[in-house]
Amino acid sequence: MKRSVLGLMLACAAAMPAAAQGVHLGITGGWYIPYGTVKDYATNGWDGGLTLAIGAPMVPVTFRIDGMYGTMPGKTVTVGPETVKADFTTWSLTGNLVWTIIGKTLPTKFYLIGGIGYYNVQQKYTTSAAIPIPTVNTPAFGYNAGLGFRFTKIFIEARWTNIDGGLDLTGLTAGGGTKSLQVVPVNVGIIF
């Protein structure tokens, strides 16, 4: 067991200089579109973030780490005799595989992207009730999958994202409970 761990550590250390040649930083931003149940409670918003791409030239599969911030303004809904609105804010850190399906050796590339990550969803309430509803912070894990297009350093992509238990319905419906929060970020970015 110790030899296996030592061998793995040595192989990773040997591969690091080669992988470091393919490390790129990027910025991204765009639309944050509610999907599924959350579209009953939120409208289109915006998002932005940083990306770290790690890969070797001529290899069709690379790895990407994305740190994102997204926000969606809430819709006013009626709950009993009161009205409630929840504005949504999401912070995330995801690890993704990027598979270039067309054009790995060309400046124009089409790719599939998908991965898992950690999300923190905040719901900040505005209500007509005399008693305010406290802000809800929900840490959760989620996953995403999508399609992208890259031309040299510029990319455009759309990803369906599912945050397990990220939508807290306690302040938004009489029944309460939690559901998956689903969004579709559509982003434009640049990789340096």
N, C-alpha and C. Protein backbone atom coordinates (compact mmCIF):
# COMPACT_ATOMS: atom_id res chain seq x y z
N MET A 1 0.83 -1.19 0.00
CA MET A 1 0.00 0.00 0.00
C MET A 1 0.87 1.26 0.00
N LYS A 2 1.90 1.27 0.88
CA LYS A 2 2.78 2.42 0.95
C LYS A 2 3.52 2.63 -0.36
N ARG A 3 3.93 1.54 -1.01
CA ARG A 3 4.63 1.66 -2.29
C ARG A 3 3.70 2.23 -3.37
N SER A 4 2.45 1.81 -3.35
CA SER A 4 1.49 2.33 -4.34
C SER A 4 1.29 3.82 -4.17
N VAL A 5 1.13 4.27 -2.94
CA VAL A 5 0.94 5.70 -2.66
C VAL A 5 2.19 6.48 -3.06
N LEU A 6 3.37 5.95 -2.71
CA LEU A 6 4.63 6.60 -3.07
C LEU A 6 4.78 6.67 -4.59
N GLY A 7 4.47 5.58 -5.29
CA GLY A 7 4.54 5.56 -6.75
C GLY A 7 3.60 6.57 -7.38
N LEU A 8 2.39 6.68 -6.85
CA LEU A 8 1.42 7.65 -7.35
C LEU A 8 1.91 9.08 -7.13
N MET A 9 2.48 9.34 -5.95
CA MET A 9 3.00 10.67 -5.67
C MET A 9 4.15 11.03 -6.60
N LEU A 10 5.06 10.09 -6.88
CA LEU A 10 6.18 10.34 -7.78
C LEU A 10 5.70 10.56 -9.21
N ALA A 11 4.69 9.81 -9.65
CA ALA A 11 4.15 9.99 -11.00
C ALA A 11 3.49 11.36 -11.14
N CYS A 12 2.76 11.79 -10.11
CA CYS A 12 2.13 13.12 -10.13
C CYS A 12 3.19 14.22 -10.15
N ALA A 13 4.24 14.06 -9.36
CA ALA A 13 5.31 15.06 -9.32
C ALA A 13 6.02 15.15 -10.67
N ALA A 14 6.23 14.02 -11.32
CA ALA A 14 6.89 14.01 -12.63
C ALA A 14 6.00 14.65 -13.70
N ALA A 15 4.69 14.50 -13.57
CA ALA A 15 3.76 15.03 -14.57
C ALA A 15 3.49 16.52 -14.39
N MET A 16 3.75 17.06 -13.22
CA MET A 16 3.42 18.46 -12.94
C MET A 16 4.10 19.45 -13.88
N PRO A 17 5.42 19.35 -14.17
CA PRO A 17 6.02 20.32 -15.09
C PRO A 17 5.38 20.28 -16.47
N ALA A 18 5.03 19.08 -16.96
CA ALA A 18 4.41 18.97 -18.28
C ALA A 18 3.00 19.57 -18.25
N ALA A 19 2.27 19.29 -17.18
CA ALA A 19 0.91 19.83 -17.07
C ALA A 19 0.93 21.34 -16.89
N ALA A 20 1.98 21.86 -16.23
CA ALA A 20 2.05 23.30 -15.97
C ALA A 20 2.13 24.09 -17.26
N GLN A 21 2.64 23.49 -18.34
CA GLN A 21 2.69 24.17 -19.62
C GLN A 21 1.29 24.44 -20.16
N GLY A 22 0.32 23.66 -19.74
CA GLY A 22 -1.04 23.81 -20.23
C GLY A 22 -1.98 24.39 -19.20
N VAL A 23 -1.51 25.28 -18.32
CA VAL A 23 -2.36 25.90 -17.30
C VAL A 23 -2.72 27.31 -17.77
N HIS A 24 -4.02 27.58 -17.83
CA HIS A 24 -4.49 28.88 -18.31
C HIS A 24 -5.58 29.42 -17.39
N LEU A 25 -5.55 30.73 -17.17
CA LEU A 25 -6.54 31.42 -16.35
C LEU A 25 -7.51 32.13 -17.28
N GLY A 26 -8.78 32.18 -16.89
CA GLY A 26 -9.77 32.87 -17.71
C GLY A 26 -10.82 33.56 -16.86
N ILE A 27 -11.58 34.43 -17.52
CA ILE A 27 -12.72 35.09 -16.88
C ILE A 27 -13.96 34.81 -17.72
N THR A 28 -15.10 34.80 -17.08
CA THR A 28 -16.35 34.48 -17.77
C THR A 28 -17.51 35.23 -17.13
N GLY A 29 -18.55 35.44 -17.91
CA GLY A 29 -19.74 36.10 -17.39
C GLY A 29 -20.88 35.98 -18.39
N GLY A 30 -22.09 36.17 -17.90
CA GLY A 30 -23.24 36.08 -18.80
C GLY A 30 -24.56 36.04 -18.07
N TRP A 31 -25.47 35.28 -18.63
CA TRP A 31 -26.84 35.19 -18.13
C TRP A 31 -26.98 33.99 -17.20
N TYR A 32 -27.82 34.15 -16.19
CA TYR A 32 -28.10 33.10 -15.21
C TYR A 32 -29.60 32.87 -15.29
N ILE A 33 -30.01 31.81 -15.99
CA ILE A 33 -31.41 31.60 -16.35
C ILE A 33 -32.03 30.53 -15.45
N PRO A 34 -33.12 30.85 -14.72
CA PRO A 34 -33.77 29.84 -13.89
C PRO A 34 -34.42 28.76 -14.74
N TYR A 35 -34.43 27.54 -14.21
CA TYR A 35 -34.99 26.40 -14.92
C TYR A 35 -35.74 25.52 -13.92
N GLY A 36 -36.78 24.86 -14.36
CA GLY A 36 -37.54 23.98 -13.47
C GLY A 36 -38.36 24.78 -12.47
N THR A 37 -38.48 24.29 -11.25
CA THR A 37 -39.32 24.91 -10.22
C THR A 37 -38.90 26.33 -9.89
N VAL A 38 -37.61 26.63 -9.90
CA VAL A 38 -37.14 27.95 -9.48
C VAL A 38 -37.63 29.06 -10.42
N LYS A 39 -37.98 28.73 -11.68
CA LYS A 39 -38.46 29.79 -12.58
C LYS A 39 -39.83 30.33 -12.16
N ASP A 40 -40.52 29.63 -11.25
CA ASP A 40 -41.77 30.17 -10.68
C ASP A 40 -41.48 31.27 -9.66
N TYR A 41 -40.23 31.33 -9.17
CA TYR A 41 -39.89 32.26 -8.08
C TYR A 41 -38.78 33.25 -8.43
N ALA A 42 -38.16 33.11 -9.60
CA ALA A 42 -37.03 33.98 -9.96
C ALA A 42 -37.07 34.32 -11.45
N THR A 43 -36.41 35.43 -11.80
CA THR A 43 -36.30 35.85 -13.19
C THR A 43 -34.83 35.73 -13.62
N ASN A 44 -34.57 35.95 -14.91
CA ASN A 44 -33.21 35.88 -15.42
C ASN A 44 -32.30 36.83 -14.67
N GLY A 45 -31.09 36.36 -14.39
CA GLY A 45 -30.11 37.19 -13.70
C GLY A 45 -28.79 37.18 -14.47
N TRP A 46 -27.71 37.34 -13.75
CA TRP A 46 -26.38 37.37 -14.36
C TRP A 46 -25.41 36.59 -13.49
N ASP A 47 -24.28 36.21 -14.08
CA ASP A 47 -23.24 35.54 -13.32
C ASP A 47 -21.87 35.95 -13.85
N GLY A 48 -20.85 35.65 -13.09
CA GLY A 48 -19.47 35.94 -13.48
C GLY A 48 -18.53 35.09 -12.67
N GLY A 49 -17.32 34.91 -13.18
CA GLY A 49 -16.38 34.11 -12.41
C GLY A 49 -15.03 33.98 -13.06
N LEU A 50 -14.22 33.15 -12.42
CA LEU A 50 -12.87 32.84 -12.87
C LEU A 50 -12.79 31.36 -13.20
N THR A 51 -11.93 31.03 -14.15
CA THR A 51 -11.75 29.64 -14.54
C THR A 51 -10.25 29.34 -14.65
N LEU A 52 -9.89 28.15 -14.26
CA LEU A 52 -8.52 27.67 -14.37
C LEU A 52 -8.56 26.40 -15.21
N ALA A 53 -7.97 26.46 -16.41
CA ALA A 53 -7.98 25.32 -17.33
C ALA A 53 -6.62 24.63 -17.30
N ILE A 54 -6.63 23.31 -17.17
CA ILE A 54 -5.40 22.52 -17.09
C ILE A 54 -5.47 21.42 -18.14
N GLY A 55 -4.52 21.43 -19.06
CA GLY A 55 -4.51 20.40 -20.09
C GLY A 55 -3.23 20.47 -20.90
N ALA A 56 -3.00 19.44 -21.67
CA ALA A 56 -1.82 19.37 -22.52
C ALA A 56 -2.24 19.63 -23.96
N PRO A 57 -1.36 20.25 -24.74
CA PRO A 57 -1.68 20.47 -26.16
C PRO A 57 -1.96 19.14 -26.86
N MET A 58 -2.88 19.17 -27.80
CA MET A 58 -3.23 18.02 -28.64
C MET A 58 -4.00 16.92 -27.90
N VAL A 59 -4.31 17.10 -26.64
CA VAL A 59 -5.09 16.12 -25.89
C VAL A 59 -6.54 16.62 -25.85
N PRO A 60 -7.52 15.80 -26.26
CA PRO A 60 -8.89 16.30 -26.37
C PRO A 60 -9.61 16.50 -25.03
N VAL A 61 -9.11 15.92 -23.94
CA VAL A 61 -9.77 16.05 -22.63
C VAL A 61 -8.89 16.90 -21.72
N THR A 62 -9.49 17.96 -21.16
CA THR A 62 -8.79 18.82 -20.21
C THR A 62 -9.62 18.92 -18.94
N PHE A 63 -9.05 19.54 -17.93
CA PHE A 63 -9.71 19.72 -16.63
C PHE A 63 -9.87 21.21 -16.38
N ARG A 64 -11.01 21.59 -15.82
CA ARG A 64 -11.26 23.00 -15.52
C ARG A 64 -11.83 23.16 -14.12
N ILE A 65 -11.33 24.15 -13.41
CA ILE A 65 -11.89 24.53 -12.11
C ILE A 65 -12.55 25.89 -12.30
N ASP A 66 -13.83 25.99 -11.94
CA ASP A 66 -14.58 27.24 -12.09
C ASP A 66 -15.08 27.73 -10.75
N GLY A 67 -14.80 28.99 -10.45
CA GLY A 67 -15.37 29.67 -9.30
C GLY A 67 -16.35 30.71 -9.81
N MET A 68 -17.62 30.60 -9.44
CA MET A 68 -18.66 31.45 -10.03
C MET A 68 -19.52 32.12 -8.96
N TYR A 69 -20.05 33.28 -9.34
CA TYR A 69 -21.04 34.00 -8.55
C TYR A 69 -22.21 34.28 -9.47
N GLY A 70 -23.42 33.95 -9.04
CA GLY A 70 -24.61 34.20 -9.86
C GLY A 70 -25.73 34.78 -9.01
N THR A 71 -26.57 35.58 -9.64
CA THR A 71 -27.69 36.18 -8.93
C THR A 71 -28.93 36.21 -9.82
N MET A 72 -30.09 35.95 -9.21
CA MET A 72 -31.37 36.01 -9.91
C MET A 72 -32.36 36.80 -9.06
N PRO A 73 -32.94 37.90 -9.60
CA PRO A 73 -33.97 38.63 -8.86
C PRO A 73 -35.21 37.76 -8.69
N GLY A 74 -35.88 37.94 -7.57
CA GLY A 74 -37.07 37.14 -7.29
C GLY A 74 -38.33 37.70 -7.91
N LYS A 75 -39.33 36.82 -8.04
CA LYS A 75 -40.68 37.21 -8.46
C LYS A 75 -41.53 37.31 -7.20
N THR A 76 -42.47 38.25 -7.18
CA THR A 76 -43.38 38.37 -6.05
C THR A 76 -44.47 37.30 -6.18
N VAL A 77 -44.63 36.48 -5.12
CA VAL A 77 -45.66 35.43 -5.09
C VAL A 77 -46.54 35.65 -3.87
N THR A 78 -47.77 35.14 -3.94
CA THR A 78 -48.72 35.27 -2.84
C THR A 78 -48.71 33.98 -2.02
N VAL A 79 -48.50 34.14 -0.72
CA VAL A 79 -48.54 33.02 0.22
C VAL A 79 -49.56 33.38 1.29
N GLY A 80 -50.74 32.77 1.21
CA GLY A 80 -51.83 33.14 2.12
C GLY A 80 -52.22 34.59 1.87
N PRO A 81 -52.35 35.39 2.93
CA PRO A 81 -52.74 36.79 2.74
C PRO A 81 -51.55 37.72 2.43
N GLU A 82 -50.33 37.19 2.42
CA GLU A 82 -49.12 38.01 2.27
C GLU A 82 -48.47 37.80 0.91
N THR A 83 -47.58 38.73 0.56
CA THR A 83 -46.75 38.56 -0.64
C THR A 83 -45.29 38.38 -0.20
N VAL A 84 -44.57 37.57 -0.98
CA VAL A 84 -43.18 37.25 -0.65
C VAL A 84 -42.36 37.28 -1.94
N LYS A 85 -41.14 37.77 -1.83
CA LYS A 85 -40.20 37.74 -2.94
C LYS A 85 -38.86 37.29 -2.39
N ALA A 86 -38.20 36.34 -3.09
CA ALA A 86 -36.88 35.86 -2.66
C ALA A 86 -35.88 36.13 -3.78
N ASP A 87 -34.84 36.91 -3.47
CA ASP A 87 -33.75 37.12 -4.41
C ASP A 87 -32.70 36.03 -4.16
N PHE A 88 -32.19 35.42 -5.23
CA PHE A 88 -31.28 34.29 -5.13
C PHE A 88 -29.86 34.71 -5.48
N THR A 89 -28.91 34.27 -4.65
CA THR A 89 -27.48 34.48 -4.90
C THR A 89 -26.79 33.14 -4.74
N THR A 90 -25.92 32.79 -5.68
CA THR A 90 -25.24 31.50 -5.65
C THR A 90 -23.73 31.69 -5.81
N TRP A 91 -22.97 31.07 -4.90
CA TRP A 91 -21.51 30.96 -5.02
C TRP A 91 -21.21 29.51 -5.31
N SER A 92 -20.26 29.23 -6.20
CA SER A 92 -19.94 27.84 -6.50
C SER A 92 -18.46 27.65 -6.82
N LEU A 93 -18.00 26.44 -6.58
CA LEU A 93 -16.66 26.00 -6.96
C LEU A 93 -16.84 24.61 -7.55
N THR A 94 -16.54 24.46 -8.85
CA THR A 94 -16.78 23.18 -9.53
C THR A 94 -15.52 22.69 -10.22
N GLY A 95 -15.42 21.37 -10.32
CA GLY A 95 -14.38 20.72 -11.11
C GLY A 95 -15.04 20.07 -12.31
N ASN A 96 -14.53 20.36 -13.51
CA ASN A 96 -15.19 19.92 -14.73
C ASN A 96 -14.21 19.28 -15.71
N LEU A 97 -14.69 18.28 -16.44
CA LEU A 97 -13.94 17.73 -17.56
C LEU A 97 -14.45 18.39 -18.83
N VAL A 98 -13.53 18.76 -19.71
CA VAL A 98 -13.87 19.39 -20.99
C VAL A 98 -13.36 18.45 -22.08
N TRP A 99 -14.27 17.98 -22.91
CA TRP A 99 -13.92 17.04 -23.97
C TRP A 99 -14.15 17.72 -25.31
N THR A 100 -13.08 18.00 -26.04
CA THR A 100 -13.18 18.61 -27.35
C THR A 100 -13.65 17.54 -28.33
N ILE A 101 -14.86 17.74 -28.88
CA ILE A 101 -15.42 16.73 -29.77
C ILE A 101 -15.14 17.04 -31.24
N ILE A 102 -14.94 18.32 -31.58
CA ILE A 102 -14.61 18.71 -32.95
C ILE A 102 -13.53 19.79 -32.89
N GLY A 103 -12.43 19.59 -33.62
CA GLY A 103 -11.43 20.64 -33.79
C GLY A 103 -10.32 20.70 -32.77
N LYS A 104 -9.88 19.57 -32.23
CA LYS A 104 -8.85 19.63 -31.18
C LYS A 104 -7.54 20.26 -31.67
N THR A 105 -7.25 20.18 -32.97
CA THR A 105 -6.02 20.78 -33.49
C THR A 105 -6.28 22.09 -34.23
N LEU A 106 -7.51 22.56 -34.25
CA LEU A 106 -7.88 23.78 -34.96
C LEU A 106 -8.12 24.92 -33.98
N PRO A 107 -8.11 26.18 -34.45
CA PRO A 107 -8.43 27.29 -33.55
C PRO A 107 -9.91 27.30 -33.13
N THR A 108 -10.78 26.69 -33.95
CA THR A 108 -12.22 26.61 -33.63
C THR A 108 -12.52 25.23 -33.05
N LYS A 109 -13.11 25.20 -31.87
CA LYS A 109 -13.37 23.94 -31.19
C LYS A 109 -14.80 23.89 -30.66
N PHE A 110 -15.43 22.72 -30.74
CA PHE A 110 -16.70 22.45 -30.07
C PHE A 110 -16.40 21.45 -28.97
N TYR A 111 -16.98 21.66 -27.79
CA TYR A 111 -16.66 20.78 -26.67
C TYR A 111 -17.88 20.51 -25.80
N LEU A 112 -17.81 19.38 -25.10
CA LEU A 112 -18.76 19.04 -24.05
C LEU A 112 -18.08 19.32 -22.73
N ILE A 113 -18.86 19.79 -21.75
CA ILE A 113 -18.31 20.08 -20.43
C ILE A 113 -19.26 19.53 -19.37
N GLY A 114 -18.71 19.02 -18.30
CA GLY A 114 -19.54 18.51 -17.21
C GLY A 114 -18.70 18.29 -15.97
N GLY A 115 -19.35 18.36 -14.82
CA GLY A 115 -18.62 18.14 -13.58
C GLY A 115 -19.50 18.25 -12.36
N ILE A 116 -18.83 18.24 -11.21
CA ILE A 116 -19.52 18.33 -9.92
C ILE A 116 -18.91 19.47 -9.13
N GLY A 117 -19.64 19.90 -8.08
CA GLY A 117 -19.10 20.98 -7.29
C GLY A 117 -19.88 21.28 -6.03
N TYR A 118 -19.38 22.27 -5.33
CA TYR A 118 -19.98 22.75 -4.09
C TYR A 118 -20.64 24.10 -4.38
N TYR A 119 -21.87 24.27 -3.88
CA TYR A 119 -22.65 25.48 -4.11
C TYR A 119 -23.15 26.01 -2.77
N ASN A 120 -23.28 27.32 -2.68
CA ASN A 120 -23.94 27.95 -1.54
C ASN A 120 -25.01 28.89 -2.10
N VAL A 121 -26.27 28.57 -1.80
CA VAL A 121 -27.40 29.34 -2.31
C VAL A 121 -27.96 30.19 -1.17
N GLN A 122 -28.10 31.48 -1.42
CA GLN A 122 -28.69 32.39 -0.44
C GLN A 122 -30.02 32.90 -0.98
N GLN A 123 -31.06 32.81 -0.15
CA GLN A 123 -32.37 33.37 -0.49
C GLN A 123 -32.67 34.50 0.48
N LYS A 124 -32.72 35.72 -0.05
CA LYS A 124 -32.98 36.90 0.77
C LYS A 124 -34.41 37.36 0.50
N TYR A 125 -35.22 37.38 1.54
CA TYR A 125 -36.66 37.61 1.40
C TYR A 125 -37.07 39.06 1.61
N THR A 126 -38.08 39.46 0.84
CA THR A 126 -38.82 40.69 1.06
C THR A 126 -40.28 40.28 1.18
N THR A 127 -40.96 40.70 2.24
CA THR A 127 -42.34 40.25 2.45
C THR A 127 -43.22 41.40 2.93
N SER A 128 -44.52 41.26 2.68
CA SER A 128 -45.47 42.25 3.18
C SER A 128 -45.93 41.92 4.60
N ALA A 129 -45.50 40.79 5.14
CA ALA A 129 -45.89 40.38 6.49
C ALA A 129 -45.22 41.26 7.53
N ALA A 130 -45.85 41.34 8.69
CA ALA A 130 -45.31 42.14 9.79
C ALA A 130 -44.02 41.51 10.34
N ILE A 131 -43.94 40.19 10.29
CA ILE A 131 -42.75 39.48 10.78
C ILE A 131 -41.87 39.16 9.58
N PRO A 132 -40.63 39.63 9.55
CA PRO A 132 -39.76 39.35 8.40
C PRO A 132 -39.36 37.87 8.34
N ILE A 133 -39.05 37.42 7.14
CA ILE A 133 -38.56 36.06 6.94
C ILE A 133 -37.03 36.13 6.90
N PRO A 134 -36.35 35.34 7.72
CA PRO A 134 -34.88 35.42 7.74
C PRO A 134 -34.27 34.90 6.43
N THR A 135 -33.11 35.43 6.11
CA THR A 135 -32.36 34.97 4.95
C THR A 135 -31.94 33.52 5.15
N VAL A 136 -32.05 32.72 4.10
CA VAL A 136 -31.70 31.30 4.16
C VAL A 136 -30.42 31.07 3.36
N ASN A 137 -29.44 30.43 3.97
CA ASN A 137 -28.20 30.01 3.29
C ASN A 137 -28.20 28.49 3.22
N THR A 138 -28.10 27.94 2.01
CA THR A 138 -28.13 26.50 1.83
C THR A 138 -26.85 26.03 1.15
N PRO A 139 -25.96 25.35 1.89
CA PRO A 139 -24.80 24.73 1.24
C PRO A 139 -25.24 23.40 0.63
N ALA A 140 -24.79 23.11 -0.58
CA ALA A 140 -25.22 21.89 -1.26
C ALA A 140 -24.21 21.48 -2.32
N PHE A 141 -24.29 20.22 -2.72
CA PHE A 141 -23.50 19.73 -3.83
C PHE A 141 -24.38 19.68 -5.07
N GLY A 142 -23.76 19.76 -6.21
CA GLY A 142 -24.52 19.72 -7.44
C GLY A 142 -23.66 19.26 -8.60
N TYR A 143 -24.27 19.24 -9.76
CA TYR A 143 -23.57 18.81 -10.96
C TYR A 143 -24.04 19.63 -12.15
N ASN A 144 -23.24 19.61 -13.22
CA ASN A 144 -23.58 20.39 -14.41
C ASN A 144 -23.13 19.65 -15.66
N ALA A 145 -23.76 19.99 -16.78
CA ALA A 145 -23.38 19.42 -18.08
C ALA A 145 -23.79 20.41 -19.15
N GLY A 146 -22.95 20.53 -20.18
CA GLY A 146 -23.29 21.48 -21.23
C GLY A 146 -22.45 21.34 -22.48
N LEU A 147 -22.57 22.35 -23.33
CA LEU A 147 -21.92 22.38 -24.63
C LEU A 147 -21.28 23.74 -24.81
N GLY A 148 -20.11 23.77 -25.45
CA GLY A 148 -19.42 25.04 -25.66
C GLY A 148 -18.77 25.12 -27.02
N PHE A 149 -18.41 26.35 -27.37
CA PHE A 149 -17.73 26.66 -28.62
C PHE A 149 -16.58 27.59 -28.28
N ARG A 150 -15.39 27.29 -28.79
CA ARG A 150 -14.23 28.12 -28.51
C ARG A 150 -13.53 28.50 -29.81
N PHE A 151 -13.22 29.78 -29.95
CA PHE A 151 -12.44 30.27 -31.07
C PHE A 151 -11.20 30.95 -30.51
N THR A 152 -10.05 30.37 -30.72
CA THR A 152 -8.78 30.77 -30.13
C THR A 152 -8.93 30.94 -28.62
N LYS A 153 -9.02 32.17 -28.12
CA LYS A 153 -9.10 32.39 -26.68
C LYS A 153 -10.51 32.69 -26.17
N ILE A 154 -11.44 32.97 -27.06
CA ILE A 154 -12.82 33.33 -26.68
C ILE A 154 -13.69 32.07 -26.67
N PHE A 155 -14.56 31.92 -25.66
CA PHE A 155 -15.47 30.79 -25.65
C PHE A 155 -16.88 31.23 -25.26
N ILE A 156 -17.84 30.45 -25.73
CA ILE A 156 -19.27 30.63 -25.40
C ILE A 156 -19.77 29.25 -25.00
N GLU A 157 -20.46 29.18 -23.86
CA GLU A 157 -20.97 27.87 -23.42
C GLU A 157 -22.27 28.03 -22.64
N ALA A 158 -23.05 26.95 -22.63
CA ALA A 158 -24.28 26.86 -21.84
C ALA A 158 -24.22 25.56 -21.08
N ARG A 159 -24.55 25.64 -19.77
CA ARG A 159 -24.52 24.44 -18.92
C ARG A 159 -25.79 24.35 -18.09
N TRP A 160 -26.43 23.22 -18.14
CA TRP A 160 -27.54 22.94 -17.23
C TRP A 160 -26.91 22.56 -15.89
N THR A 161 -27.38 23.20 -14.82
CA THR A 161 -26.82 22.98 -13.48
C THR A 161 -27.92 22.57 -12.53
N ASN A 162 -27.68 21.51 -11.75
CA ASN A 162 -28.63 21.02 -10.76
C ASN A 162 -27.98 21.07 -9.38
N ILE A 163 -28.54 21.87 -8.48
CA ILE A 163 -28.02 22.01 -7.11
C ILE A 163 -28.98 21.26 -6.19
N ASP A 164 -28.54 20.11 -5.66
CA ASP A 164 -29.40 19.24 -4.86
C ASP A 164 -29.86 19.94 -3.58
N GLY A 165 -31.18 20.08 -3.40
CA GLY A 165 -31.74 20.69 -2.20
C GLY A 165 -31.46 22.17 -2.09
N GLY A 166 -31.08 22.83 -3.19
CA GLY A 166 -30.70 24.25 -3.15
C GLY A 166 -31.86 25.23 -3.11
N LEU A 167 -33.08 24.76 -3.39
CA LEU A 167 -34.26 25.64 -3.37
C LEU A 167 -35.07 25.37 -2.11
N ASP A 168 -35.06 26.33 -1.19
CA ASP A 168 -35.83 26.21 0.06
C ASP A 168 -37.18 26.88 -0.14
N LEU A 169 -38.25 26.08 -0.10
CA LEU A 169 -39.61 26.58 -0.35
C LEU A 169 -40.34 27.01 0.92
N THR A 170 -39.67 26.98 2.06
CA THR A 170 -40.32 27.28 3.34
C THR A 170 -40.98 28.65 3.33
N GLY A 171 -40.31 29.68 2.87
CA GLY A 171 -40.90 31.02 2.86
C GLY A 171 -41.71 31.33 1.61
N LEU A 172 -41.67 30.43 0.61
CA LEU A 172 -42.31 30.72 -0.68
C LEU A 172 -43.63 30.00 -0.91
N THR A 173 -43.88 28.92 -0.16
CA THR A 173 -45.14 28.18 -0.29
C THR A 173 -45.67 27.82 1.08
N ALA A 174 -46.95 27.51 1.14
CA ALA A 174 -47.55 27.10 2.41
C ALA A 174 -47.01 25.75 2.85
N GLY A 175 -46.65 24.87 1.89
CA GLY A 175 -46.18 23.53 2.22
C GLY A 175 -44.72 23.47 2.63
N GLY A 176 -43.90 24.38 2.12
CA GLY A 176 -42.47 24.39 2.46
C GLY A 176 -41.71 23.26 1.81
N GLY A 177 -40.58 22.87 2.42
CA GLY A 177 -39.74 21.81 1.90
C GLY A 177 -38.60 22.34 1.04
N THR A 178 -37.82 21.41 0.50
CA THR A 178 -36.71 21.78 -0.39
C THR A 178 -36.81 21.00 -1.69
N LYS A 179 -36.27 21.58 -2.74
CA LYS A 179 -36.18 20.93 -4.05
C LYS A 179 -34.83 21.28 -4.65
N SER A 180 -34.52 20.60 -5.72
CA SER A 180 -33.29 20.94 -6.45
C SER A 180 -33.47 22.29 -7.12
N LEU A 181 -32.44 23.10 -7.05
CA LEU A 181 -32.44 24.38 -7.75
C LEU A 181 -31.72 24.16 -9.07
N GLN A 182 -32.40 24.48 -10.17
CA GLN A 182 -31.82 24.26 -11.49
C GLN A 182 -31.70 25.59 -12.22
N VAL A 183 -30.53 25.81 -12.80
CA VAL A 183 -30.27 27.03 -13.58
C VAL A 183 -29.48 26.64 -14.83
N VAL A 184 -29.53 27.54 -15.82
CA VAL A 184 -28.75 27.37 -17.05
C VAL A 184 -27.90 28.63 -17.24
N PRO A 185 -26.65 28.60 -16.80
CA PRO A 185 -25.77 29.73 -17.09
C PRO A 185 -25.35 29.69 -18.57
N VAL A 186 -25.49 30.82 -19.25
CA VAL A 186 -25.01 30.97 -20.63
C VAL A 186 -23.93 32.04 -20.57
N ASN A 187 -22.69 31.63 -20.81
CA ASN A 187 -21.55 32.52 -20.55
C ASN A 187 -20.66 32.73 -21.76
N VAL A 188 -20.04 33.90 -21.77
CA VAL A 188 -18.99 34.24 -22.72
C VAL A 188 -17.74 34.49 -21.88
N GLY A 189 -16.61 33.98 -22.35
CA GLY A 189 -15.39 34.16 -21.58
C GLY A 189 -14.16 34.23 -22.45
N ILE A 190 -13.04 34.46 -21.78
CA ILE A 190 -11.74 34.49 -22.46
C ILE A 190 -10.73 33.75 -21.61
N ILE A 191 -9.93 32.93 -22.27
CA ILE A 191 -8.86 32.17 -21.61
C ILE A 191 -7.53 32.81 -22.01
N PHE A 192 -6.71 33.14 -21.03
CA PHE A 192 -5.41 33.77 -21.29
C PHE A 192 -4.31 32.74 -21.36
